[in-house]
Amino acid sequence: MRQAFTGPEPHPEFNAVTHPAHYTSHPSGIECIDIVKHMNFCIGNAFKYLWRAGLKGNAIEDYEKTIRYIQIEIERLKEAA
């Protein structure tokens, strides 16, 4: 299982609502929302669950959610074609 990042402190304005640690502790200093806000809902959620896998709760569940959102996006694209 992936270990929680133990590097630099999370985002300086960390709080559980606006800057939760499982989305702000990446060593790059980039916050997950800064990337996913440029994606559609399903792709953004898939990316979010990959980002936080193992940092909040069950990593397997996060990977399963990632797969589910990718499947939904594939179906959406097939229906639109």
Protein backbone atom coordinates (compact mmCIF):
# COMPACT_ATOMS: atom_id res chain seq x y z
CA MET A 1 0.00 0.00 0.00
CA ARG A 2 1.20 3.51 -0.79
CA GLN A 3 2.45 5.44 2.23
CA ALA A 4 1.28 8.94 3.05
CA PHE A 5 3.75 11.56 1.85
CA THR A 6 5.98 12.72 4.71
CA GLY A 7 7.87 15.50 2.93
CA PRO A 8 7.27 19.23 3.25
CA GLU A 9 4.27 20.54 5.12
CA PRO A 10 0.96 20.57 3.24
CA HIS A 11 -0.41 23.74 1.67
CA PRO A 12 0.08 26.66 4.09
CA GLU A 13 -3.65 27.39 4.11
CA PHE A 14 -4.52 23.75 4.86
CA ASN A 15 -7.90 22.99 6.29
CA ALA A 16 -10.18 20.00 5.86
CA VAL A 17 -12.60 21.88 3.58
CA THR A 18 -10.54 24.10 1.29
CA HIS A 19 -7.12 22.43 1.24
CA PRO A 20 -7.29 18.86 2.61
CA ALA A 21 -3.89 17.22 3.16
CA HIS A 22 -4.63 14.25 0.87
CA TYR A 23 -4.93 16.72 -2.04
CA THR A 24 -2.12 19.13 -1.08
CA SER A 25 0.79 16.94 0.04
CA HIS A 26 2.26 16.14 -3.40
CA PRO A 27 6.02 16.82 -3.47
CA SER A 28 5.57 19.13 -6.48
CA GLY A 29 3.59 21.56 -4.34
CA ILE A 30 0.73 21.38 -6.84
CA GLU A 31 -2.75 20.97 -5.41
CA CYS A 32 -5.02 18.43 -7.10
CA ILE A 33 -7.82 20.97 -7.71
CA ASP A 34 -5.45 23.16 -9.73
CA ILE A 35 -5.29 20.35 -12.30
CA VAL A 36 -8.78 18.81 -12.20
CA LYS A 37 -10.62 22.13 -12.57
CA HIS A 38 -9.54 22.04 -16.23
CA MET A 39 -11.07 18.59 -16.85
CA ASN A 40 -14.60 17.35 -17.32
CA PHE A 41 -16.36 15.77 -14.35
CA CYS A 42 -15.55 12.10 -14.99
CA ILE A 43 -11.91 12.59 -15.99
CA GLY A 44 -11.39 15.02 -13.11
CA ASN A 45 -12.82 12.54 -10.61
CA ALA A 46 -10.69 9.70 -12.03
CA PHE A 47 -7.59 11.88 -11.69
CA LYS A 48 -8.60 12.89 -8.15
CA TYR A 49 -8.98 9.28 -7.00
CA LEU A 50 -5.59 8.35 -8.50
CA TRP A 51 -4.03 11.37 -6.78
CA ARG A 52 -5.33 10.50 -3.33
CA ALA A 53 -5.09 6.68 -3.53
CA GLY A 54 -3.68 5.41 -0.26
CA LEU A 55 -3.66 8.84 1.37
CA LYS A 56 -7.29 8.79 2.52
CA GLY A 57 -8.97 5.53 3.33
CA ASN A 58 -8.72 2.41 1.19
CA ALA A 59 -6.38 2.61 -1.84
CA ILE A 60 -8.14 -0.28 -3.60
CA GLU A 61 -11.46 1.54 -3.33
CA ASP A 62 -9.86 4.68 -4.77
CA TYR A 63 -8.49 2.68 -7.73
CA GLU A 64 -11.91 1.05 -8.26
CA LYS A 65 -13.52 4.50 -8.31
CA THR A 66 -10.88 5.63 -10.82
CA ILE A 67 -11.81 2.74 -13.11
CA ARG A 68 -15.53 3.45 -12.69
CA TYR A 69 -15.19 7.10 -13.71
CA ILE A 70 -13.07 6.14 -16.73
CA GLN A 71 -15.75 3.60 -17.74
CA ILE A 72 -18.45 6.26 -17.45
CA GLU A 73 -16.39 8.63 -19.62
CA ILE A 74 -15.83 5.92 -22.25
CA GLU A 75 -19.58 5.27 -22.39
CA ARG A 76 -20.28 9.00 -22.70
CA LEU A 77 -17.85 9.28 -25.62
CA LYS A 78 -19.33 6.21 -27.34
CA GLU A 79 -22.85 7.63 -27.01
CA ALA A 80 -21.70 10.98 -28.42
CA ALA A 81 -20.00 9.36 -31.45
